[in-house]
């Protein structure tokens, strides 16, 4: 069907522009929204021409069509990015987080939006709105995810620059209280036997929840506890002589305490009584560890001065602070932080165990 013939009065005007009773307006061909341009004819014509040029620039050029870049849209990229994410070796929790974030990406821009038209300003608007809603941590997480998304986009040759890079890093105010040794000892005093063992094991090794619950007696070899970190894949050999003077115990003492429950189990931290679907000797799950620690801490009625109470994970921070104060353990090696100064053995591609040294640092 041929386009409707324009009225005589509008024919000298730029496309999508018309005049009624001396008042000019321009209608967006993309959205159908009409924008008033005022009564100044020269100004209205100049503004309309500028708007038409902007719309034309947003449309795929002939070169883009020839090279295939015209198909580089937000929707098609998300299909590819999902495939790239699924091929990564990720922990189940990380995979669930990524799935949630991908769901949000679907809603940000239309699927037919050209990737090259996604600007830094658009991303900043999303991050600012999320932060303004009191979700600074979510904004921080989304910025990191978007940065990875567009980095992959560059690697695939779909775009040439990452629009996330110029955005400001999202500042997150820490709302969780630190765990002190005094509070640790208060919780320890009233905790269940298996939770006591888990707390001491976390304090003396500085490892994460999943590495504490996965630790087995079979991992104790030649005077070391071998830990293959679940999150990073790093392989640490922690000497049984490592210990904290402020509590008067070393790792060997804690492992002996784990053995003394009278329950046969391959796990250092294990159920000492039948509980629901978990019989004696079964593994304690990391979420159970966190919940039971929180449930044991809550009745102590401690004033956290407006901050959230510490979680089990905060024992890792407490371990770092206590070992740093003691001065005989390289805490960066012990915790396995990627930004740490690592030994040549740590970087060995053969995957040998990194032996944590105890002595003058």
Protein backbone atom coordinates (compact mmCIF):
# COMPACT_ATOMS: atom_id res chain seq x y z
CA UNK A 1 0.00 0.00 0.00
CA UNK A 2 1.38 3.41 -1.00
CA UNK A 3 1.96 5.89 1.83
CA UNK A 4 -0.77 8.45 2.36
CA UNK A 5 -0.18 11.65 0.41
CA UNK A 6 0.88 14.53 2.69
CA UNK A 7 -1.25 17.63 2.88
CA UNK A 8 -0.19 20.52 0.68
CA UNK A 9 0.78 22.65 3.70
CA UNK A 10 3.14 19.96 5.05
CA UNK A 11 4.92 18.97 1.81
CA UNK A 12 7.70 21.59 2.09
CA UNK A 13 8.45 20.42 5.66
CA UNK A 14 10.91 17.65 6.67
CA UNK A 15 9.56 14.12 6.97
CA UNK A 16 7.36 13.42 10.02
CA UNK A 17 6.76 17.17 10.48
CA UNK A 18 3.49 19.03 10.15
CA UNK A 19 1.94 22.38 10.96
CA UNK A 20 -1.51 23.08 12.35
CA UNK A 21 -2.79 26.60 12.95
CA UNK A 22 0.78 27.90 12.77
CA UNK A 23 2.10 25.38 15.36
CA UNK A 24 4.76 22.86 14.22
CA UNK A 25 5.26 19.32 15.52
CA UNK A 26 7.38 16.26 14.75
CA UNK A 27 6.18 12.65 15.24
CA UNK A 28 8.73 9.97 16.06
CA UNK A 29 8.62 7.18 13.44
CA UNK A 30 9.87 4.78 16.14
CA UNK A 31 7.40 5.45 18.96
CA UNK A 32 4.59 7.42 17.32
CA UNK A 33 4.91 10.10 19.99
CA UNK A 34 4.29 13.65 18.75
CA UNK A 35 6.68 16.40 19.95
CA UNK A 36 5.79 20.10 19.81
CA UNK A 37 8.29 22.37 18.01
CA UNK A 38 6.71 25.78 18.57
CA UNK A 39 5.67 28.46 16.07
CA UNK A 40 9.11 29.53 14.77
CA UNK A 41 9.24 27.93 11.31
CA UNK A 42 13.03 28.05 10.85
CA UNK A 43 13.64 26.59 14.32
CA UNK A 44 11.01 23.89 13.79
CA UNK A 45 12.48 22.82 10.44
CA UNK A 46 16.04 22.73 11.81
CA UNK A 47 14.96 20.70 14.85
CA UNK A 48 12.97 18.24 12.74
CA UNK A 49 15.88 17.71 10.35
CA UNK A 50 18.17 17.06 13.31
CA UNK A 51 15.71 14.52 14.74
CA UNK A 52 15.37 12.75 11.37
CA UNK A 53 19.15 12.55 11.05
CA UNK A 54 19.37 11.01 14.53
CA UNK A 55 16.75 8.38 13.65
CA UNK A 56 18.53 7.61 10.38
CA UNK A 57 21.85 7.09 12.18
CA UNK A 58 20.23 4.53 14.50
CA UNK A 59 19.12 2.40 11.58
CA UNK A 60 21.54 -0.25 10.31
CA UNK A 61 23.80 1.13 7.61
CA UNK A 62 24.41 -0.68 4.36
CA UNK A 63 27.92 -1.54 5.60
CA UNK A 64 26.45 -3.05 8.78
CA UNK A 65 24.07 -5.09 6.68
CA UNK A 66 26.88 -6.33 4.44
CA UNK A 67 29.20 -7.23 7.36
CA UNK A 68 26.41 -8.78 9.43
CA UNK A 69 26.63 -6.18 12.20
CA UNK A 70 23.01 -5.24 11.57
CA UNK A 71 22.11 -8.50 13.31
CA UNK A 72 24.13 -7.57 16.39
CA UNK A 73 21.14 -6.80 18.56
CA UNK A 74 20.68 -6.99 22.31
CA UNK A 75 18.32 -9.96 22.08
CA UNK A 76 20.59 -12.01 19.83
CA UNK A 77 23.58 -11.24 22.02
CA UNK A 78 21.75 -12.44 25.17
CA UNK A 79 21.12 -15.78 23.47
CA UNK A 80 24.85 -16.11 22.80
CA UNK A 81 25.85 -14.82 26.24
CA UNK A 82 23.58 -17.37 27.93
CA UNK A 83 25.38 -20.08 25.98
CA UNK A 84 28.77 -18.72 27.08
CA UNK A 85 27.65 -18.61 30.72
CA UNK A 86 26.34 -22.19 30.60
CA UNK A 87 29.71 -23.42 29.31
CA UNK A 88 31.60 -21.96 32.27
CA UNK A 89 32.67 -24.11 35.19
CA UNK A 90 30.64 -22.40 37.92
CA UNK A 91 29.54 -23.29 41.42
CA UNK A 92 25.82 -23.99 41.71
CA UNK A 93 25.21 -20.86 43.82
CA UNK A 94 27.03 -18.71 41.25
CA UNK A 95 25.04 -20.31 38.44
CA UNK A 96 21.78 -19.47 40.23
CA UNK A 97 22.92 -15.88 40.73
CA UNK A 98 23.83 -15.55 37.06
CA UNK A 99 20.44 -16.95 36.04
CA UNK A 100 18.72 -14.28 38.15
CA UNK A 101 20.88 -11.52 36.69
CA UNK A 102 20.26 -12.74 33.14
CA UNK A 103 16.53 -12.51 33.83
CA UNK A 104 16.97 -8.84 34.69
CA UNK A 105 19.02 -8.16 31.54
CA UNK A 106 16.06 -9.31 29.43
CA UNK A 107 14.03 -6.35 30.71
CA UNK A 108 16.56 -3.56 30.28
CA UNK A 109 16.40 -2.97 26.51
CA UNK A 110 14.23 -4.19 23.60
CA UNK A 111 15.53 -7.33 21.96
CA UNK A 112 15.91 -5.55 18.60
CA UNK A 113 18.02 -2.73 20.05
CA UNK A 114 21.42 -2.55 18.28
CA UNK A 115 24.26 -3.26 20.68
CA UNK A 116 26.20 -0.24 19.46
CA UNK A 117 23.35 2.00 20.65
CA UNK A 118 23.64 0.92 24.29
CA UNK A 119 25.47 3.81 25.90
CA UNK A 120 27.26 4.46 29.16
CA UNK A 121 24.44 6.84 30.12
CA UNK A 122 21.87 4.04 29.76
CA UNK A 123 23.87 1.75 32.03
CA UNK A 124 24.51 4.51 34.56
CA UNK A 125 20.76 5.17 34.70
CA UNK A 126 20.08 1.52 35.58
CA UNK A 127 22.79 1.42 38.24
CA UNK A 128 21.71 4.74 39.75
CA UNK A 129 18.06 3.65 39.93
CA UNK A 130 19.03 0.38 41.63
CA UNK A 131 21.25 2.18 44.13
CA UNK A 132 18.59 4.83 44.82
CA UNK A 133 16.18 2.03 45.73
CA UNK A 134 18.49 1.10 48.60
CA UNK A 135 20.04 -1.83 46.74
CA UNK A 136 23.67 -0.76 46.53
CA UNK A 137 24.91 -4.34 46.73
CA UNK A 138 22.60 -5.34 43.86
CA UNK A 139 23.83 -2.37 41.82
CA UNK A 140 27.43 -3.40 42.50
CA UNK A 141 26.67 -6.96 41.45
CA UNK A 142 24.86 -5.85 38.30
CA UNK A 143 27.69 -3.51 37.26
CA UNK A 144 30.16 -6.36 37.54
CA UNK A 145 27.86 -8.66 35.58
CA UNK A 146 27.23 -6.10 32.83
CA UNK A 147 30.95 -5.45 32.59
CA UNK A 148 31.53 -9.15 31.99
CA UNK A 149 28.63 -9.27 29.52
CA UNK A 150 30.05 -6.52 27.31
CA UNK A 151 33.63 -7.77 27.73
CA UNK A 152 32.51 -11.05 26.18
CA UNK A 153 30.73 -9.04 23.51
CA UNK A 154 34.02 -7.37 22.59
CA UNK A 155 35.82 -10.72 22.60
CA UNK A 156 33.26 -12.03 20.10
CA UNK A 157 33.77 -8.99 17.86
CA UNK A 158 30.23 -7.66 18.22
CA UNK A 159 31.25 -4.25 19.63
CA UNK A 160 34.52 -2.36 20.04
CA UNK A 161 34.23 -0.70 23.47
CA UNK A 162 32.75 -1.61 26.82
CA UNK A 163 30.11 0.98 27.81
CA UNK A 164 30.30 -0.12 31.45
CA UNK A 165 33.97 0.84 31.95
CA UNK A 166 33.41 4.61 32.37
CA UNK A 167 30.65 4.15 34.99
CA UNK A 168 31.53 4.77 38.61
CA UNK A 169 32.19 1.78 40.81
CA UNK A 170 29.26 1.35 43.18
CA UNK A 171 30.18 2.15 46.77
CA UNK A 172 28.66 -0.24 49.29
CA UNK A 173 28.56 0.69 52.94
CA UNK A 174 29.28 -2.34 55.09
CA UNK A 175 26.20 -3.02 57.18
CA UNK A 176 27.36 -6.21 58.87
CA UNK A 177 29.08 -6.06 62.23
CA UNK A 178 32.46 -7.68 62.64
CA UNK A 179 32.78 -10.77 64.76
CA UNK A 180 35.01 -10.28 67.79
CA UNK A 181 36.85 -13.02 69.63
CA UNK A 182 34.70 -12.31 72.69
CA UNK A 183 31.48 -12.92 70.76
CA UNK A 184 33.01 -15.99 69.12
CA UNK A 185 33.76 -17.42 72.56
CA UNK A 186 30.25 -16.58 73.81
CA UNK A 187 28.66 -18.47 70.89
CA UNK A 188 31.12 -21.34 71.29
CA UNK A 189 30.17 -21.78 74.95
CA UNK A 190 26.50 -22.51 74.15
CA UNK A 191 26.90 -24.14 70.71
CA UNK A 192 26.17 -27.76 69.81
CA UNK A 193 29.25 -30.02 69.74
CA UNK A 194 29.42 -30.20 65.92
CA UNK A 195 29.02 -26.42 65.63
CA UNK A 196 31.90 -25.93 68.11
CA UNK A 197 34.09 -28.12 65.93
CA UNK A 198 33.10 -26.20 62.81
CA UNK A 199 33.77 -22.84 64.47
CA UNK A 200 37.23 -23.87 65.65
CA UNK A 201 38.09 -25.43 62.31
CA UNK A 202 37.07 -22.19 60.54
CA UNK A 203 38.99 -20.03 63.00
CA UNK A 204 42.24 -21.98 62.75
CA UNK A 205 42.19 -22.56 58.97
CA UNK A 206 40.47 -19.37 57.75
CA UNK A 207 38.55 -21.37 55.14
CA UNK A 208 35.05 -20.83 53.73
CA UNK A 209 31.88 -22.63 54.88
CA UNK A 210 31.85 -25.16 52.05
CA UNK A 211 35.49 -26.07 52.66
CA UNK A 212 34.78 -26.58 56.36
CA UNK A 213 31.79 -28.85 55.74
CA UNK A 214 33.64 -30.77 52.99
CA UNK A 215 36.75 -31.44 55.12
CA UNK A 216 37.37 -35.15 55.71
CA UNK A 217 39.64 -37.07 58.03
CA UNK A 218 41.19 -38.61 54.90
CA UNK A 219 42.42 -35.11 54.00
CA UNK A 220 44.81 -35.20 56.99
CA UNK A 221 48.12 -36.41 55.54
CA UNK A 222 51.75 -36.18 56.63
CA UNK A 223 51.15 -33.48 59.23
CA UNK A 224 48.89 -31.33 57.01
CA UNK A 225 45.20 -30.79 56.38
CA UNK A 226 44.75 -30.66 52.61
CA UNK A 227 42.06 -28.26 51.41
CA UNK A 228 41.05 -27.89 47.77
CA UNK A 229 39.10 -24.67 47.88
CA UNK A 230 35.65 -25.14 46.41
CA UNK A 231 35.36 -21.56 45.16
CA UNK A 232 38.82 -21.07 43.66
CA UNK A 233 40.19 -24.57 43.09
CA UNK A 234 43.36 -23.63 44.98
CA UNK A 235 45.03 -26.48 46.82
CA UNK A 236 46.34 -25.66 50.28
CA UNK A 237 48.22 -27.86 52.72
CA UNK A 238 47.69 -26.36 56.18
CA UNK A 239 50.09 -27.66 58.85
CA UNK A 240 48.51 -29.23 61.90
CA UNK A 241 50.85 -27.15 64.11
CA UNK A 242 49.20 -23.93 62.99
CA UNK A 243 47.43 -22.35 65.93
CA UNK A 244 46.26 -19.23 67.72
CA UNK A 245 47.84 -18.38 71.04
CA UNK A 246 44.80 -16.36 72.13
CA UNK A 247 42.69 -19.53 72.29
CA UNK A 248 45.49 -21.92 73.22
CA UNK A 249 44.74 -24.43 70.47
CA UNK A 250 46.29 -25.59 67.21
CA UNK A 251 44.75 -27.38 64.24
CA UNK A 252 45.84 -30.78 65.50
CA UNK A 253 43.90 -30.16 68.75
CA UNK A 254 40.76 -29.32 66.74
CA UNK A 255 41.01 -32.44 64.57
CA UNK A 256 41.40 -34.55 67.71
CA UNK A 257 38.28 -32.85 69.09
CA UNK A 258 36.43 -33.72 65.87
CA UNK A 259 37.45 -37.37 66.30
CA UNK A 260 36.30 -37.45 69.92
CA UNK A 261 32.55 -37.23 69.19
CA UNK A 262 32.25 -41.02 69.38
CA UNK A 263 30.45 -41.02 66.01
CA UNK A 264 31.88 -42.82 63.00
CA UNK A 265 32.03 -40.39 60.06
CA UNK A 266 34.35 -39.51 57.17
CA UNK A 267 33.70 -35.79 57.81
CA UNK A 268 35.47 -33.66 60.40
CA UNK A 269 32.23 -31.77 61.02
CA UNK A 270 29.36 -34.24 61.25
CA UNK A 271 25.97 -34.81 62.85
CA UNK A 272 26.47 -36.09 66.37
CA UNK A 273 22.77 -36.97 66.81
CA UNK A 274 20.04 -38.12 64.43
CA UNK A 275 18.31 -34.99 63.14
CA UNK A 276 15.43 -35.16 60.66
CA UNK A 277 16.70 -36.79 57.48
CA UNK A 278 20.32 -36.48 58.66
CA UNK A 279 21.52 -39.51 60.62
CA UNK A 280 24.47 -39.50 62.99
CA UNK A 281 27.75 -39.15 61.13
CA UNK A 282 26.28 -37.45 58.07
CA UNK A 283 27.74 -34.31 56.55
CA UNK A 284 26.61 -30.89 57.78
CA UNK A 285 25.50 -28.71 54.87
CA UNK A 286 26.90 -25.20 54.62
CA UNK A 287 23.46 -23.56 54.87
CA UNK A 288 22.74 -25.58 58.00
CA UNK A 289 26.03 -24.31 59.38
CA UNK A 290 25.04 -20.70 58.79
CA UNK A 291 21.52 -21.09 60.17
CA UNK A 292 22.62 -22.85 63.33
CA UNK A 293 25.32 -20.25 63.99
CA UNK A 294 22.75 -17.45 63.58
CA UNK A 295 20.23 -19.28 65.77
CA UNK A 296 22.87 -19.70 68.49
CA UNK A 297 24.00 -16.07 68.27
CA UNK A 298 20.54 -14.48 68.40
CA UNK A 299 19.61 -15.34 72.04
CA UNK A 300 22.78 -13.60 73.26
CA UNK A 301 20.96 -10.25 72.67
CA UNK A 302 24.07 -8.35 71.62
CA UNK A 303 23.72 -4.70 70.57
CA UNK A 304 25.13 -4.45 67.04
CA UNK A 305 24.73 -0.64 66.95
CA UNK A 306 22.45 -0.56 63.93
CA UNK A 307 24.42 -3.11 61.89
CA UNK A 308 23.42 -6.64 60.94
CA UNK A 309 24.74 -9.43 63.19
CA UNK A 310 27.82 -11.29 61.91
CA UNK A 311 27.36 -14.59 60.11
CA UNK A 312 29.43 -17.77 60.23
CA UNK A 313 31.44 -16.45 57.27
CA UNK A 314 32.76 -13.65 59.50
CA UNK A 315 34.88 -16.24 61.32
CA UNK A 316 37.11 -16.15 58.23
CA UNK A 317 37.67 -12.42 58.78
CA UNK A 318 38.30 -12.97 62.49
CA UNK A 319 40.90 -15.64 61.64
CA UNK A 320 42.70 -13.22 59.32
CA UNK A 321 42.80 -10.49 61.98
CA UNK A 322 43.99 -12.79 64.75
CA UNK A 323 46.73 -14.38 62.64
CA UNK A 324 47.82 -10.95 61.41
CA UNK A 325 48.12 -9.74 64.99
CA UNK A 326 50.03 -12.89 65.95
CA UNK A 327 52.42 -12.29 63.05
CA UNK A 328 53.61 -15.80 62.20
CA UNK A 329 51.33 -16.75 59.28
CA UNK A 330 50.99 -15.27 55.78
CA UNK A 331 47.22 -14.77 55.90
CA UNK A 332 46.94 -14.04 52.18
CA UNK A 333 48.33 -17.46 51.38
CA UNK A 334 46.19 -19.09 54.08
CA UNK A 335 42.94 -17.54 52.86
CA UNK A 336 43.87 -18.12 49.21
CA UNK A 337 43.04 -14.61 48.00
CA UNK A 338 43.71 -14.10 44.30
CA UNK A 339 45.20 -10.66 44.88
CA UNK A 340 47.76 -12.01 47.31
CA UNK A 341 51.50 -12.13 46.76
CA UNK A 342 51.88 -15.81 45.79
CA UNK A 343 54.95 -18.01 45.79
CA UNK A 344 56.25 -19.62 42.59
CA UNK A 345 54.91 -22.93 43.92
CA UNK A 346 51.46 -21.37 44.17
CA UNK A 347 51.58 -20.56 40.46
CA UNK A 348 52.91 -24.00 39.50
CA UNK A 349 50.69 -25.30 36.71
CA UNK A 350 51.11 -28.85 37.98
CA UNK A 351 48.64 -28.05 40.76
CA UNK A 352 50.91 -29.04 43.62
CA UNK A 353 49.75 -28.38 47.17
CA UNK A 354 50.73 -24.98 48.55
CA UNK A 355 52.21 -25.60 51.99
CA UNK A 356 51.30 -22.83 54.41
CA UNK A 357 54.33 -21.83 56.46
CA UNK A 358 54.17 -21.09 60.16
CA UNK A 359 56.88 -18.81 61.57
CA UNK A 360 58.14 -15.27 61.13
CA UNK A 361 56.39 -13.57 58.21
